[in-house]
Amino acid sequence: QVQLVESGGGLVQAGDSLRLSCTASERTSTRSAMGWFRQAPGKEREFVAVISWNGVDKDYAESVWGRFTVSRDHALTVKLQMNSLKPEDTAMYYCAEGIRYLRGHFSSHMALTANWGQGTQVTVSS
């Protein structure tokens, strides 16, 4: 069972930046993509960003495009740099590994068999 540990969440003001990190205990496969999702109170979990197994291909939710950057400098780690944060970015952020994403646009079915972390809370005050 792959275990994922997220860190880096916190309470910030609108316009501030945060960087989330996630480390996996192992990979599901050599071509496993990793990504970030979030869930706000009363809402369903939604896609934020995904990065391919080799760090070359990425995709982002439209709501974070141009503000968030996903990176992967190691096979077992993924980071999410979040700039220009808005109150609507407030959510529990979850890391996922084992996403079946290779390139292009992300589709939700690619994460059906992913492994999930416990989440890290991001709160943005106005």
Protein backbone atom coordinates (compact mmCIF):
# COMPACT_ATOMS: atom_id res chain seq x y z
CA GLN A 1 0.00 0.00 0.00
CA VAL A 2 1.47 3.31 -1.10
CA GLN A 3 1.55 5.91 1.65
CA LEU A 4 1.58 9.61 0.93
CA VAL A 5 2.45 12.42 3.31
CA GLU A 6 1.58 16.03 2.52
CA SER A 7 2.98 19.13 4.17
CA GLY A 8 3.08 22.88 3.71
CA GLY A 9 -0.49 23.94 4.32
CA GLY A 10 -1.41 26.85 6.54
CA LEU A 11 -3.32 30.08 7.04
CA VAL A 12 -2.38 32.95 4.74
CA GLN A 13 -3.88 36.17 3.44
CA ALA A 14 -5.20 36.74 -0.05
CA GLY A 15 -2.33 37.38 -2.45
CA ASP A 16 0.17 35.36 -0.45
CA SER A 17 1.98 32.21 -1.55
CA LEU A 18 2.32 28.69 -0.18
CA ARG A 19 4.20 25.62 -1.33
CA LEU A 20 2.83 22.17 -0.69
CA SER A 21 4.98 19.05 -0.74
CA CYS A 22 4.10 15.40 -0.93
CA THR A 23 6.29 12.33 -0.55
CA ALA A 24 5.24 8.82 -1.50
CA SER A 25 6.60 5.66 0.14
CA GLU A 26 6.83 3.96 -3.26
CA ARG A 27 5.51 4.13 -6.80
CA THR A 28 2.61 2.13 -8.15
CA SER A 29 4.50 1.84 -11.42
CA THR A 30 7.43 3.50 -13.17
CA ARG A 31 4.99 5.62 -15.18
CA SER A 32 2.81 6.76 -12.31
CA ALA A 33 1.75 10.38 -12.47
CA MET A 34 1.21 12.39 -9.32
CA GLY A 35 -1.12 15.24 -8.66
CA TRP A 36 -3.06 17.49 -6.34
CA PHE A 37 -6.76 17.69 -5.64
CA ARG A 38 -8.73 19.77 -3.16
CA GLN A 39 -12.01 19.66 -1.32
CA ALA A 40 -13.74 22.64 0.20
CA PRO A 41 -16.41 22.23 2.90
CA GLY A 42 -19.68 21.12 1.38
CA LYS A 43 -18.16 20.53 -2.03
CA GLU A 44 -16.86 17.55 -3.94
CA ARG A 45 -13.18 16.88 -4.33
CA GLU A 46 -11.84 18.58 -7.46
CA PHE A 47 -8.78 18.31 -9.63
CA VAL A 48 -6.06 20.94 -9.20
CA ALA A 49 -2.93 19.81 -11.03
CA VAL A 50 -1.21 16.71 -12.37
CA ILE A 51 2.34 15.95 -13.51
CA SER A 52 3.51 13.01 -15.58
CA TRP A 53 5.92 10.34 -14.42
CA ASN A 54 8.92 12.13 -15.94
CA GLY A 55 7.85 15.66 -15.00
CA VAL A 56 7.48 16.73 -18.62
CA ASP A 57 3.72 16.91 -19.06
CA LYS A 58 1.38 18.83 -16.79
CA ASP A 59 -2.21 19.92 -16.64
CA TYR A 60 -4.06 22.34 -14.39
CA ALA A 61 -7.60 23.19 -13.46
CA GLU A 62 -8.72 26.37 -15.16
CA SER A 63 -9.28 28.01 -11.78
CA VAL A 64 -5.60 27.80 -10.87
CA TRP A 65 -3.99 28.26 -14.30
CA GLY A 66 -1.21 30.82 -14.17
CA ARG A 67 -1.15 30.91 -10.37
CA PHE A 68 -0.19 27.37 -9.38
CA THR A 69 2.82 25.36 -10.56
CA VAL A 70 3.26 21.63 -10.08
CA SER A 71 6.74 20.15 -10.09
CA ARG A 72 8.43 16.85 -9.55
CA ASP A 73 12.16 16.71 -8.87
CA HIS A 74 12.12 13.14 -7.67
CA ALA A 75 10.14 10.06 -8.59
CA LEU A 76 8.51 9.96 -5.16
CA THR A 77 7.85 13.65 -4.55
CA VAL A 78 5.55 16.28 -5.96
CA LYS A 79 5.24 19.93 -5.05
CA LEU A 80 2.61 22.57 -5.66
CA GLN A 81 3.68 26.19 -5.67
CA MET A 82 0.61 28.34 -5.08
CA ASN A 83 0.87 32.06 -5.78
CA SER A 84 -1.69 34.86 -5.68
CA LEU A 85 -3.89 32.83 -3.40
CA LYS A 86 -7.57 33.69 -3.20
CA PRO A 87 -10.16 32.95 -0.50
CA GLU A 88 -11.81 30.50 -2.90
CA ASP A 89 -8.61 28.43 -2.82
CA THR A 90 -9.42 27.52 0.79
CA ALA A 91 -9.71 23.73 0.99
CA MET A 92 -8.13 20.52 2.15
CA TYR A 93 -5.46 19.67 -0.41
CA TYR A 94 -4.79 16.03 -1.20
CA CYS A 95 -1.84 14.47 -2.95
CA ALA A 96 -2.41 11.50 -5.22
CA GLU A 97 -0.07 8.92 -6.73
CA GLY A 98 -0.72 6.28 -9.33
CA ILE A 99 -2.65 8.58 -11.62
CA ARG A 100 -2.88 7.20 -15.15
CA TYR A 101 -1.91 10.42 -16.87
CA LEU A 102 0.69 10.62 -19.62
CA ARG A 103 0.08 13.93 -21.43
CA GLY A 104 -2.56 16.38 -22.56
CA HIS A 105 -5.69 17.13 -20.55
CA PHE A 106 -6.46 15.37 -17.31
CA SER A 107 -9.66 13.38 -17.07
CA SER A 108 -11.18 12.20 -13.80
CA HIS A 109 -11.12 8.52 -14.74
CA MET A 110 -7.30 8.69 -14.69
CA ALA A 111 -7.42 8.96 -10.90
CA LEU A 112 -9.91 6.18 -10.20
CA THR A 113 -7.25 3.82 -8.86
CA ALA A 114 -4.95 6.43 -7.35
CA ASN A 115 -3.54 6.33 -3.84
CA TRP A 116 -4.34 9.32 -1.61
CA GLY A 117 -2.72 11.19 1.21
CA GLN A 118 -4.47 12.42 4.35
CA GLY A 119 -4.52 16.02 3.17
CA THR A 120 -3.14 19.35 4.30
CA GLN A 121 -5.38 22.33 5.05
CA VAL A 122 -4.98 25.59 3.16
CA THR A 123 -6.93 28.57 4.42
CA VAL A 124 -6.84 31.92 2.65
CA SER A 125 -8.31 34.91 4.44
CA SER A 126 -9.61 37.96 2.61
